[in-house]
Amino acid sequence: MEKYILDFLIKFQQLIAKNVKIEHFGLEKAKSICGVDIAYKGNIGYAVAVKEENGNYEYNLVKGDVFFPYIPTFLFMREAPLMIKAVEKYECDLILVDGHGLTHPRKSGIATVIGVLLDKPTIGVAKSRLTGEYLMENGITYVIVNGEKLGVKVGKYFYSIGNKTDLDDIISLSRLGYPTVLKMADKLSKELKKKE
C-alpha cells in the first residue's frame, strides 16, 4: 500500500477520533440492538447485520467485492463499507461491532468509525487485543490506552467504547456474556458465504 494513502487514512482516523462522543447510553434504554460482522470468500465480503427487538431477530446480508488489503489498524477500510450497508437497513438504538472502538492506536477502531459516521451509539467487541495495557481494579480488567480506561477484557473478549457510549455501558454489556446478535451475525456470515 502506498504511504500517501495510509497517511491520508491516518488523517481520516484522527478526524473521526476528534468527533467521538463519550457519553452514558444506558443499555436498559435499548429497545433494538444490532450486531454486525463479516466473513470472506476470496475477495468477496459477506456482511451480516442482526437486529434484535422484543426477543425477535431478523438479519440483512450485504455482499460485495473487497479490494483493500488487511492492514492492522486500518481494518475499517476493508470492512466498514459493507458493514454500514448491512446495518443501515435497520433503526438500531445500539450497534455492536465485531472489532475495536477506542482501544486503537489512533482511537479510531472500526466500531468508532461506524458510530461516528452513522451518529449512533456503538460498542466494539473484539476477539484479540490491538493495543493498550491491562489494569486490574475491583475485579475488572481494564484496557488502558495512553493512560485512559477505554475498554475491558472479559474472558477472551475485548469490549471497548465505540461512540455515544461510556465505560459503564461496556462493563454492563460485558457482564451479559458474548452478545447474541454478534454470535448470530458471525454464524450467519459464515453460513451464507458457504452457500454461494
N, C-alpha and C. Protein backbone atom coordinates (compact mmCIF):
# COMPACT_ATOMS: atom_id res chain seq x y z
N MET A 1 0.85 -1.19 0.00
CA MET A 1 0.00 0.00 0.00
C MET A 1 0.89 1.25 0.00
N GLU A 2 0.55 2.20 -0.86
CA GLU A 2 1.34 3.44 -0.96
C GLU A 2 1.25 4.22 0.34
N LYS A 3 2.39 4.79 0.74
CA LYS A 3 2.45 5.51 2.01
C LYS A 3 1.49 6.71 2.03
N TYR A 4 1.32 7.39 0.90
CA TYR A 4 0.46 8.57 0.91
C TYR A 4 -1.00 8.21 1.18
N ILE A 5 -1.39 6.99 0.78
CA ILE A 5 -2.77 6.54 1.06
C ILE A 5 -2.93 6.31 2.56
N LEU A 6 -1.95 5.63 3.16
CA LEU A 6 -2.02 5.39 4.61
C LEU A 6 -1.95 6.71 5.38
N ASP A 7 -1.14 7.64 4.91
CA ASP A 7 -1.07 8.96 5.56
C ASP A 7 -2.43 9.65 5.52
N PHE A 8 -3.10 9.55 4.39
CA PHE A 8 -4.44 10.13 4.25
C PHE A 8 -5.42 9.45 5.20
N LEU A 9 -5.36 8.13 5.28
CA LEU A 9 -6.28 7.39 6.15
C LEU A 9 -6.03 7.70 7.62
N ILE A 10 -4.78 7.93 7.98
CA ILE A 10 -4.46 8.32 9.36
C ILE A 10 -5.12 9.66 9.68
N LYS A 11 -5.07 10.59 8.73
CA LYS A 11 -5.74 11.89 8.93
C LYS A 11 -7.25 11.70 9.10
N PHE A 12 -7.81 10.80 8.32
CA PHE A 12 -9.24 10.49 8.43
C PHE A 12 -9.55 9.93 9.83
N GLN A 13 -8.72 9.00 10.29
CA GLN A 13 -8.93 8.41 11.61
C GLN A 13 -8.79 9.46 12.71
N GLN A 14 -7.84 10.37 12.56
CA GLN A 14 -7.68 11.43 13.56
C GLN A 14 -8.91 12.33 13.61
N LEU A 15 -9.51 12.58 12.46
CA LEU A 15 -10.73 13.38 12.40
C LEU A 15 -11.90 12.64 13.07
N ILE A 16 -11.99 11.34 12.80
CA ILE A 16 -13.03 10.51 13.45
C ILE A 16 -12.85 10.59 14.96
N ALA A 17 -11.60 10.41 15.43
CA ALA A 17 -11.33 10.41 16.88
C ALA A 17 -11.73 11.73 17.53
N LYS A 18 -11.57 12.83 16.81
CA LYS A 18 -11.94 14.15 17.35
C LYS A 18 -13.45 14.30 17.48
N ASN A 19 -14.20 13.52 16.72
CA ASN A 19 -15.66 13.65 16.69
C ASN A 19 -16.38 12.59 17.53
N VAL A 20 -15.63 11.77 18.24
CA VAL A 20 -16.24 10.77 19.13
C VAL A 20 -16.93 11.47 20.30
N LYS A 21 -18.09 10.95 20.66
CA LYS A 21 -18.77 11.43 21.87
C LYS A 21 -18.75 10.29 22.88
N ILE A 22 -18.11 10.53 24.04
CA ILE A 22 -18.15 9.54 25.12
C ILE A 22 -19.22 10.02 26.09
N GLU A 23 -20.34 9.30 26.12
CA GLU A 23 -21.45 9.68 26.99
C GLU A 23 -22.21 8.43 27.39
N HIS A 24 -22.90 8.51 28.52
CA HIS A 24 -23.61 7.33 29.01
C HIS A 24 -24.85 7.07 28.16
N PHE A 25 -24.97 5.84 27.69
CA PHE A 25 -26.11 5.45 26.88
C PHE A 25 -27.19 4.81 27.75
N GLY A 26 -26.79 3.80 28.53
CA GLY A 26 -27.75 3.07 29.37
C GLY A 26 -28.39 1.94 28.59
N LEU A 27 -27.82 0.74 28.72
CA LEU A 27 -28.28 -0.41 27.92
C LEU A 27 -29.75 -0.70 28.09
N GLU A 28 -30.28 -0.41 29.29
CA GLU A 28 -31.70 -0.70 29.56
C GLU A 28 -32.63 0.11 28.65
N LYS A 29 -32.11 1.19 28.07
CA LYS A 29 -32.93 2.03 27.17
C LYS A 29 -33.06 1.45 25.77
N ALA A 30 -32.18 0.50 25.44
CA ALA A 30 -32.13 -0.01 24.07
C ALA A 30 -33.31 -0.94 23.77
N LYS A 31 -34.21 -0.47 22.93
CA LYS A 31 -35.34 -1.32 22.50
C LYS A 31 -34.89 -2.24 21.37
N SER A 32 -33.97 -1.75 20.55
CA SER A 32 -33.45 -2.57 19.45
C SER A 32 -31.92 -2.52 19.47
N ILE A 33 -31.32 -3.71 19.36
CA ILE A 33 -29.85 -3.82 19.34
C ILE A 33 -29.47 -4.55 18.06
N CYS A 34 -28.46 -4.03 17.38
CA CYS A 34 -27.96 -4.67 16.17
C CYS A 34 -26.52 -5.11 16.38
N GLY A 35 -26.18 -6.22 15.77
CA GLY A 35 -24.80 -6.70 15.76
C GLY A 35 -24.38 -6.88 14.32
N VAL A 36 -23.13 -6.55 14.01
CA VAL A 36 -22.67 -6.67 12.63
C VAL A 36 -21.29 -7.33 12.56
N ASP A 37 -21.16 -8.25 11.61
CA ASP A 37 -19.91 -8.99 11.42
C ASP A 37 -19.76 -9.28 9.93
N ILE A 38 -18.60 -9.77 9.56
CA ILE A 38 -18.33 -10.02 8.14
C ILE A 38 -17.48 -11.28 7.99
N ALA A 39 -17.72 -12.03 6.92
CA ALA A 39 -16.91 -13.19 6.57
C ALA A 39 -16.47 -13.02 5.12
N TYR A 40 -15.41 -13.74 4.73
CA TYR A 40 -14.87 -13.58 3.38
C TYR A 40 -14.77 -14.90 2.64
N LYS A 41 -14.96 -14.80 1.34
CA LYS A 41 -14.63 -15.90 0.43
C LYS A 41 -13.81 -15.24 -0.68
N GLY A 42 -12.51 -15.42 -0.63
CA GLY A 42 -11.64 -14.71 -1.56
C GLY A 42 -11.75 -13.21 -1.31
N ASN A 43 -12.07 -12.46 -2.36
CA ASN A 43 -12.21 -11.01 -2.23
C ASN A 43 -13.67 -10.57 -2.08
N ILE A 44 -14.55 -11.52 -1.81
CA ILE A 44 -15.96 -11.17 -1.60
C ILE A 44 -16.23 -11.15 -0.10
N GLY A 45 -16.79 -10.04 0.37
CA GLY A 45 -17.16 -9.91 1.78
C GLY A 45 -18.65 -10.15 1.96
N TYR A 46 -19.01 -10.86 3.02
CA TYR A 46 -20.41 -11.13 3.36
C TYR A 46 -20.68 -10.49 4.72
N ALA A 47 -21.25 -9.30 4.69
CA ALA A 47 -21.54 -8.59 5.94
C ALA A 47 -22.98 -8.87 6.36
N VAL A 48 -23.15 -9.24 7.61
CA VAL A 48 -24.48 -9.54 8.14
C VAL A 48 -24.76 -8.67 9.35
N ALA A 49 -25.90 -7.99 9.30
CA ALA A 49 -26.40 -7.25 10.45
C ALA A 49 -27.57 -8.02 11.03
N VAL A 50 -27.54 -8.26 12.32
CA VAL A 50 -28.65 -8.94 13.01
C VAL A 50 -29.29 -7.94 13.95
N LYS A 51 -30.62 -7.83 13.84
CA LYS A 51 -31.36 -6.90 14.71
C LYS A 51 -32.23 -7.71 15.68
N GLU A 52 -32.14 -7.33 16.96
CA GLU A 52 -32.99 -7.95 17.98
C GLU A 52 -33.89 -6.88 18.56
N GLU A 53 -35.19 -7.15 18.55
CA GLU A 53 -36.16 -6.25 19.16
C GLU A 53 -37.28 -7.07 19.76
N ASN A 54 -37.53 -6.86 21.05
CA ASN A 54 -38.58 -7.61 21.77
C ASN A 54 -38.43 -9.13 21.62
N GLY A 55 -37.19 -9.60 21.63
CA GLY A 55 -36.94 -11.04 21.53
C GLY A 55 -37.06 -11.60 20.13
N ASN A 56 -37.33 -10.75 19.14
CA ASN A 56 -37.42 -11.19 17.74
C ASN A 56 -36.14 -10.80 17.01
N TYR A 57 -35.69 -11.70 16.14
CA TYR A 57 -34.45 -11.48 15.41
C TYR A 57 -34.70 -11.46 13.91
N GLU A 58 -34.01 -10.56 13.22
CA GLU A 58 -34.01 -10.58 11.76
C GLU A 58 -32.61 -10.19 11.30
N TYR A 59 -32.29 -10.53 10.05
CA TYR A 59 -30.95 -10.20 9.59
C TYR A 59 -30.98 -9.66 8.17
N ASN A 60 -29.91 -8.95 7.83
CA ASN A 60 -29.72 -8.40 6.49
C ASN A 60 -28.31 -8.73 6.03
N LEU A 61 -28.20 -9.32 4.85
CA LEU A 61 -26.91 -9.66 4.26
C LEU A 61 -26.59 -8.68 3.14
N VAL A 62 -25.37 -8.18 3.14
CA VAL A 62 -24.86 -7.38 2.02
C VAL A 62 -23.52 -7.98 1.63
N LYS A 63 -23.40 -8.32 0.36
CA LYS A 63 -22.12 -8.87 -0.09
C LYS A 63 -21.55 -7.98 -1.18
N GLY A 64 -20.22 -7.99 -1.27
CA GLY A 64 -19.59 -7.17 -2.30
C GLY A 64 -18.09 -7.41 -2.35
N ASP A 65 -17.48 -6.89 -3.39
CA ASP A 65 -16.03 -7.01 -3.56
C ASP A 65 -15.29 -6.19 -2.51
N VAL A 66 -14.23 -6.75 -1.99
CA VAL A 66 -13.38 -6.06 -1.02
C VAL A 66 -11.99 -5.97 -1.63
N PHE A 67 -11.57 -4.74 -1.94
CA PHE A 67 -10.29 -4.55 -2.61
C PHE A 67 -9.17 -4.13 -1.68
N PHE A 68 -9.53 -3.54 -0.53
CA PHE A 68 -8.50 -3.03 0.37
C PHE A 68 -7.86 -4.20 1.11
N PRO A 69 -6.54 -4.28 1.19
CA PRO A 69 -5.90 -5.40 1.88
C PRO A 69 -6.05 -5.32 3.40
N TYR A 70 -5.81 -6.45 4.06
CA TYR A 70 -5.84 -6.43 5.53
C TYR A 70 -4.55 -5.77 6.02
N ILE A 71 -4.70 -4.62 6.68
CA ILE A 71 -3.56 -3.92 7.30
C ILE A 71 -3.98 -3.60 8.73
N PRO A 72 -3.26 -4.12 9.74
CA PRO A 72 -3.63 -3.82 11.12
C PRO A 72 -3.77 -2.32 11.35
N THR A 73 -4.77 -1.94 12.11
CA THR A 73 -5.17 -0.57 12.47
C THR A 73 -5.92 0.17 11.34
N PHE A 74 -6.04 -0.46 10.16
CA PHE A 74 -6.82 0.12 9.06
C PHE A 74 -7.96 -0.81 8.63
N LEU A 75 -8.43 -1.63 9.55
CA LEU A 75 -9.47 -2.62 9.24
C LEU A 75 -10.75 -1.96 8.73
N PHE A 76 -11.02 -0.73 9.19
CA PHE A 76 -12.25 -0.06 8.79
C PHE A 76 -12.35 0.10 7.27
N MET A 77 -11.23 0.26 6.58
CA MET A 77 -11.26 0.45 5.13
C MET A 77 -11.69 -0.83 4.42
N ARG A 78 -11.40 -1.94 5.04
CA ARG A 78 -11.74 -3.23 4.44
C ARG A 78 -13.19 -3.63 4.75
N GLU A 79 -13.63 -3.35 5.99
CA GLU A 79 -14.91 -3.91 6.44
C GLU A 79 -16.05 -2.92 6.61
N ALA A 80 -15.73 -1.67 6.96
CA ALA A 80 -16.80 -0.72 7.30
C ALA A 80 -17.79 -0.44 6.17
N PRO A 81 -17.35 -0.31 4.91
CA PRO A 81 -18.34 -0.02 3.86
C PRO A 81 -19.47 -1.05 3.78
N LEU A 82 -19.11 -2.33 3.81
CA LEU A 82 -20.14 -3.39 3.74
C LEU A 82 -20.93 -3.48 5.05
N MET A 83 -20.24 -3.33 6.18
CA MET A 83 -20.93 -3.39 7.47
C MET A 83 -21.98 -2.27 7.59
N ILE A 84 -21.59 -1.07 7.18
CA ILE A 84 -22.52 0.06 7.24
C ILE A 84 -23.72 -0.20 6.34
N LYS A 85 -23.47 -0.70 5.15
CA LYS A 85 -24.57 -1.00 4.21
C LYS A 85 -25.52 -2.03 4.81
N ALA A 86 -24.97 -3.02 5.51
CA ALA A 86 -25.81 -4.07 6.10
C ALA A 86 -26.66 -3.55 7.25
N VAL A 87 -26.08 -2.69 8.09
CA VAL A 87 -26.78 -2.25 9.31
C VAL A 87 -27.71 -1.06 9.03
N GLU A 88 -27.47 -0.34 7.93
CA GLU A 88 -28.28 0.84 7.61
C GLU A 88 -29.75 0.51 7.36
N LYS A 89 -30.03 -0.74 7.05
CA LYS A 89 -31.41 -1.15 6.80
C LYS A 89 -32.28 -0.98 8.04
N TYR A 90 -31.65 -1.04 9.22
CA TYR A 90 -32.40 -1.05 10.47
C TYR A 90 -32.24 0.24 11.26
N GLU A 91 -33.28 0.53 12.02
CA GLU A 91 -33.19 1.58 13.04
C GLU A 91 -32.71 0.88 14.31
N CYS A 92 -31.48 1.11 14.70
CA CYS A 92 -30.92 0.42 15.87
C CYS A 92 -30.62 1.46 16.95
N ASP A 93 -31.05 1.18 18.18
CA ASP A 93 -30.70 2.06 19.29
C ASP A 93 -29.22 1.93 19.65
N LEU A 94 -28.69 0.71 19.49
CA LEU A 94 -27.30 0.43 19.82
C LEU A 94 -26.76 -0.55 18.80
N ILE A 95 -25.55 -0.26 18.30
CA ILE A 95 -24.90 -1.15 17.33
C ILE A 95 -23.66 -1.77 17.97
N LEU A 96 -23.58 -3.09 17.93
CA LEU A 96 -22.40 -3.82 18.41
C LEU A 96 -21.61 -4.27 17.19
N VAL A 97 -20.32 -3.98 17.20
CA VAL A 97 -19.48 -4.25 16.03
C VAL A 97 -18.39 -5.24 16.39
N ASP A 98 -18.19 -6.23 15.51
CA ASP A 98 -17.10 -7.18 15.71
C ASP A 98 -15.79 -6.45 15.36
N GLY A 99 -15.14 -5.92 16.38
CA GLY A 99 -13.91 -5.15 16.18
C GLY A 99 -13.73 -4.18 17.34
N HIS A 100 -12.68 -3.40 17.28
CA HIS A 100 -12.36 -2.46 18.35
C HIS A 100 -13.02 -1.11 18.15
N GLY A 101 -13.15 -0.37 19.24
CA GLY A 101 -13.61 1.01 19.21
C GLY A 101 -12.44 1.92 19.50
N LEU A 102 -12.46 2.53 20.70
CA LEU A 102 -11.38 3.47 21.07
C LEU A 102 -10.09 2.77 21.49
N THR A 103 -10.14 1.45 21.72
CA THR A 103 -8.90 0.72 22.06
C THR A 103 -8.13 0.44 20.77
N HIS A 104 -7.62 1.52 20.21
CA HIS A 104 -6.96 1.53 18.90
C HIS A 104 -5.86 2.60 19.00
N PRO A 105 -4.73 2.40 18.35
CA PRO A 105 -3.63 3.38 18.49
C PRO A 105 -4.03 4.83 18.20
N ARG A 106 -5.01 5.01 17.31
CA ARG A 106 -5.44 6.37 16.98
C ARG A 106 -6.88 6.63 17.46
N LYS A 107 -7.35 5.80 18.42
CA LYS A 107 -8.71 5.92 18.96
C LYS A 107 -9.75 5.93 17.84
N SER A 108 -9.53 5.06 16.87
CA SER A 108 -10.39 5.07 15.69
C SER A 108 -10.55 3.67 15.12
N GLY A 109 -10.95 2.73 15.99
CA GLY A 109 -11.23 1.38 15.52
C GLY A 109 -12.53 1.36 14.72
N ILE A 110 -12.84 0.21 14.13
CA ILE A 110 -13.99 0.13 13.23
C ILE A 110 -15.32 0.46 13.92
N ALA A 111 -15.46 0.11 15.20
CA ALA A 111 -16.70 0.43 15.91
C ALA A 111 -16.86 1.93 16.10
N THR A 112 -15.74 2.62 16.27
CA THR A 112 -15.76 4.08 16.40
C THR A 112 -16.06 4.74 15.06
N VAL A 113 -15.42 4.26 14.01
CA VAL A 113 -15.66 4.81 12.67
C VAL A 113 -17.14 4.68 12.30
N ILE A 114 -17.70 3.49 12.49
CA ILE A 114 -19.11 3.26 12.16
C ILE A 114 -20.01 4.13 13.04
N GLY A 115 -19.69 4.23 14.32
CA GLY A 115 -20.51 5.03 15.24
C GLY A 115 -20.52 6.50 14.88
N VAL A 116 -19.35 7.04 14.54
CA VAL A 116 -19.27 8.47 14.20
C VAL A 116 -19.94 8.73 12.85
N LEU A 117 -19.67 7.89 11.86
CA LEU A 117 -20.26 8.11 10.53
C LEU A 117 -21.78 8.00 10.55
N LEU A 118 -22.32 7.06 11.35
CA LEU A 118 -23.78 6.90 11.42
C LEU A 118 -24.41 7.73 12.54
N ASP A 119 -23.55 8.37 13.36
CA ASP A 119 -24.01 9.15 14.52
C ASP A 119 -24.88 8.30 15.44
N LYS A 120 -24.38 7.10 15.76
CA LYS A 120 -25.12 6.13 16.57
C LYS A 120 -24.27 5.66 17.75
N PRO A 121 -24.93 5.22 18.84
CA PRO A 121 -24.19 4.57 19.92
C PRO A 121 -23.63 3.23 19.44
N THR A 122 -22.34 3.03 19.64
CA THR A 122 -21.70 1.77 19.24
C THR A 122 -20.75 1.29 20.33
N ILE A 123 -20.59 -0.03 20.36
CA ILE A 123 -19.61 -0.69 21.24
C ILE A 123 -18.86 -1.71 20.39
N GLY A 124 -17.55 -1.75 20.53
CA GLY A 124 -16.74 -2.74 19.83
C GLY A 124 -16.54 -3.96 20.71
N VAL A 125 -16.66 -5.13 20.10
CA VAL A 125 -16.39 -6.39 20.81
C VAL A 125 -15.43 -7.18 19.92
N ALA A 126 -14.18 -7.28 20.37
CA ALA A 126 -13.14 -7.92 19.57
C ALA A 126 -12.65 -9.20 20.25
N LYS A 127 -12.00 -10.03 19.43
CA LYS A 127 -11.53 -11.32 19.96
C LYS A 127 -10.04 -11.32 20.26
N SER A 128 -9.36 -10.21 19.98
CA SER A 128 -7.93 -10.12 20.31
C SER A 128 -7.57 -8.68 20.63
N ARG A 129 -6.50 -8.51 21.38
CA ARG A 129 -6.06 -7.17 21.77
C ARG A 129 -5.32 -6.51 20.61
N LEU A 130 -5.61 -5.24 20.38
CA LEU A 130 -4.92 -4.48 19.35
C LEU A 130 -3.84 -3.60 19.96
N THR A 131 -4.17 -2.96 21.08
CA THR A 131 -3.23 -2.06 21.74
C THR A 131 -3.62 -1.92 23.20
N GLY A 132 -2.80 -1.23 23.96
CA GLY A 132 -3.15 -0.94 25.36
C GLY A 132 -2.54 -1.90 26.37
N GLU A 133 -2.62 -1.47 27.62
CA GLU A 133 -2.13 -2.24 28.76
C GLU A 133 -3.32 -2.68 29.60
N TYR A 134 -3.09 -3.66 30.47
CA TYR A 134 -4.16 -4.12 31.37
C TYR A 134 -4.00 -3.51 32.75
N LEU A 135 -5.14 -3.25 33.37
CA LEU A 135 -5.15 -2.80 34.76
C LEU A 135 -6.30 -3.51 35.48
N MET A 136 -5.95 -4.29 36.50
CA MET A 136 -6.97 -4.98 37.30
C MET A 136 -7.40 -4.08 38.44
N GLU A 137 -8.70 -3.86 38.55
CA GLU A 137 -9.23 -2.98 39.58
C GLU A 137 -10.63 -3.43 39.96
N ASN A 138 -10.86 -3.72 41.22
CA ASN A 138 -12.18 -4.17 41.69
C ASN A 138 -12.74 -5.32 40.87
N GLY A 139 -11.87 -6.27 40.52
CA GLY A 139 -12.32 -7.45 39.78
C GLY A 139 -12.56 -7.22 38.29
N ILE A 140 -12.23 -6.04 37.80
CA ILE A 140 -12.43 -5.73 36.38
C ILE A 140 -11.05 -5.55 35.73
N THR A 141 -10.86 -6.16 34.55
CA THR A 141 -9.62 -5.98 33.80
C THR A 141 -9.86 -4.90 32.76
N TYR A 142 -9.31 -3.73 33.03
CA TYR A 142 -9.46 -2.60 32.11
C TYR A 142 -8.38 -2.65 31.03
N VAL A 143 -8.72 -2.13 29.85
CA VAL A 143 -7.72 -1.92 28.81
C VAL A 143 -7.42 -0.42 28.80
N ILE A 144 -6.16 -0.09 29.07
CA ILE A 144 -5.72 1.30 29.19
C ILE A 144 -4.96 1.69 27.93
N VAL A 145 -5.37 2.79 27.31
CA VAL A 145 -4.65 3.32 26.15
C VAL A 145 -4.26 4.76 26.47
N ASN A 146 -2.96 5.04 26.46
CA ASN A 146 -2.44 6.37 26.80
C ASN A 146 -3.01 6.90 28.12
N GLY A 147 -3.05 6.01 29.12
CA GLY A 147 -3.48 6.42 30.45
C GLY A 147 -4.98 6.47 30.66
N GLU A 148 -5.78 6.18 29.62
CA GLU A 148 -7.24 6.23 29.74
C GLU A 148 -7.85 4.84 29.76
N LYS A 149 -8.86 4.63 30.60
CA LYS A 149 -9.62 3.38 30.58
C LYS A 149 -10.63 3.47 29.44
N LEU A 150 -10.39 2.68 28.40
CA LEU A 150 -11.26 2.75 27.22
C LEU A 150 -11.93 1.43 26.88
N GLY A 151 -11.54 0.38 27.61
CA GLY A 151 -12.12 -0.92 27.33
C GLY A 151 -11.97 -1.85 28.52
N VAL A 152 -12.59 -3.03 28.40
CA VAL A 152 -12.44 -4.08 29.41
C VAL A 152 -12.24 -5.41 28.71
N LYS A 153 -11.51 -6.29 29.38
CA LYS A 153 -11.32 -7.65 28.88
C LYS A 153 -12.08 -8.61 29.78
N VAL A 154 -12.92 -9.42 29.16
CA VAL A 154 -13.65 -10.44 29.90
C VAL A 154 -13.49 -11.76 29.14
N GLY A 155 -12.83 -12.73 29.79
CA GLY A 155 -12.53 -13.99 29.10
C GLY A 155 -11.63 -13.69 27.92
N LYS A 156 -12.03 -14.17 26.74
CA LYS A 156 -11.21 -13.91 25.55
C LYS A 156 -11.68 -12.71 24.75
N TYR A 157 -12.66 -11.97 25.26
CA TYR A 157 -13.24 -10.85 24.51
C TYR A 157 -12.82 -9.49 25.06
N PHE A 158 -12.72 -8.54 24.14
CA PHE A 158 -12.34 -7.17 24.46
C PHE A 158 -13.49 -6.24 24.09
N TYR A 159 -14.05 -5.58 25.08
CA TYR A 159 -15.17 -4.65 24.87
C TYR A 159 -14.62 -3.23 24.95
N SER A 160 -14.98 -2.40 23.98
CA SER A 160 -14.48 -1.03 24.03
C SER A 160 -15.53 -0.02 23.59
N ILE A 161 -15.40 1.19 24.10
CA ILE A 161 -16.28 2.29 23.74
C ILE A 161 -16.13 2.54 22.24
N GLY A 162 -17.26 2.65 21.56
CA GLY A 162 -17.23 2.99 20.14
C GLY A 162 -17.55 4.47 19.98
N ASN A 163 -18.81 4.81 20.18
CA ASN A 163 -19.27 6.20 20.09
C ASN A 163 -20.57 6.30 20.90
N LYS A 164 -20.79 7.45 21.53
CA LYS A 164 -22.02 7.72 22.28
C LYS A 164 -22.32 6.65 23.34
N THR A 165 -21.25 6.04 23.86
CA THR A 165 -21.35 5.10 24.98
C THR A 165 -20.20 5.43 25.93
N ASP A 166 -20.19 4.79 27.10
CA ASP A 166 -19.11 5.04 28.05
C ASP A 166 -18.66 3.74 28.71
N LEU A 167 -17.73 3.88 29.66
CA LEU A 167 -17.16 2.72 30.33
C LEU A 167 -18.22 1.91 31.07
N ASP A 168 -19.17 2.59 31.72
CA ASP A 168 -20.24 1.86 32.42
C ASP A 168 -21.05 1.01 31.45
N ASP A 169 -21.31 1.53 30.25
CA ASP A 169 -22.07 0.77 29.25
C ASP A 169 -21.33 -0.49 28.84
N ILE A 170 -20.02 -0.37 28.58
CA ILE A 170 -19.31 -1.57 28.12
C ILE A 170 -19.12 -2.58 29.24
N ILE A 171 -18.99 -2.10 30.47
CA ILE A 171 -18.90 -3.03 31.61
C ILE A 171 -20.23 -3.77 31.76
N SER A 172 -21.34 -3.05 31.65
CA SER A 172 -22.67 -3.68 31.74
C SER A 172 -22.84 -4.72 30.64
N LEU A 173 -22.44 -4.38 29.41
CA LEU A 173 -22.58 -5.33 28.30
C LEU A 173 -21.70 -6.55 28.52
N SER A 174 -20.48 -6.33 28.99
CA SER A 174 -19.53 -7.44 29.17
C SER A 174 -20.02 -8.45 30.20
N ARG A 175 -20.84 -8.00 31.14
CA ARG A 175 -21.36 -8.89 32.19
C ARG A 175 -22.50 -9.79 31.70
N LEU A 176 -23.00 -9.50 30.51
CA LEU A 176 -24.12 -10.28 29.96
C LEU A 176 -23.65 -11.46 29.11
N GLY A 177 -22.33 -11.62 28.98
CA GLY A 177 -21.80 -12.67 28.11
C GLY A 177 -21.69 -12.17 26.68
N TYR A 178 -21.09 -12.97 25.82
CA TYR A 178 -20.90 -12.55 24.43
C TYR A 178 -22.27 -12.29 23.79
N PRO A 179 -22.46 -11.11 23.19
CA PRO A 179 -23.80 -10.74 22.69
C PRO A 179 -24.37 -11.69 21.64
N THR A 180 -25.63 -12.06 21.82
CA THR A 180 -26.31 -12.98 20.90
C THR A 180 -26.34 -12.44 19.48
N VAL A 181 -26.57 -11.12 19.32
CA VAL A 181 -26.64 -10.58 17.95
C VAL A 181 -25.30 -10.72 17.22
N LEU A 182 -24.20 -10.63 17.95
CA LEU A 182 -22.89 -10.81 17.31
C LEU A 182 -22.62 -12.29 17.02
N LYS A 183 -23.04 -13.14 17.95
CA LYS A 183 -22.89 -14.58 17.75
C LYS A 183 -23.63 -15.00 16.47
N MET A 184 -24.86 -14.47 16.32
CA MET A 184 -25.68 -14.81 15.15
C MET A 184 -25.09 -14.21 13.87
N ALA A 185 -24.61 -12.97 13.95
CA ALA A 185 -24.03 -12.32 12.77
C ALA A 185 -22.80 -13.09 12.29
N ASP A 186 -21.98 -13.54 13.23
CA ASP A 186 -20.79 -14.32 12.92
C ASP A 186 -21.18 -15.64 12.24
N LYS A 187 -22.14 -16.33 12.84
CA LYS A 187 -22.58 -17.64 12.33
C LYS A 187 -23.21 -17.50 10.94
N LEU A 188 -24.10 -16.52 10.79
CA LEU A 188 -24.80 -16.33 9.52
C LEU A 188 -23.86 -15.91 8.40
N SER A 189 -22.91 -15.03 8.71
CA SER A 189 -21.98 -14.58 7.66
C SER A 189 -21.16 -15.76 7.14
N LYS A 190 -20.78 -16.67 8.04
CA LYS A 190 -20.01 -17.85 7.62
C LYS A 190 -20.88 -18.85 6.85
N GLU A 191 -22.12 -19.03 7.31
CA GLU A 191 -23.04 -19.96 6.63
C GLU A 191 -23.40 -19.46 5.24
N LEU A 192 -23.69 -18.16 5.13
CA LEU A 192 -24.14 -17.60 3.86
C LEU A 192 -23.03 -17.59 2.81
N LYS A 193 -21.80 -17.41 3.24
CA LYS A 193 -20.70 -17.43 2.26
C LYS A 193 -20.51 -18.84 1.70
N LYS A 194 -20.80 -19.86 2.53
CA LYS A 194 -20.65 -21.24 2.08
C LYS A 194 -21.70 -21.62 1.03
N LYS A 195 -22.86 -20.95 1.11
CA LYS A 195 -23.95 -21.26 0.18
C LYS A 195 -23.71 -20.70 -1.21
N GLU A 196 -22.80 -19.77 -1.29
CA GLU A 196 -22.55 -19.11 -2.59
C GLU A 196 -21.73 -20.00 -3.51
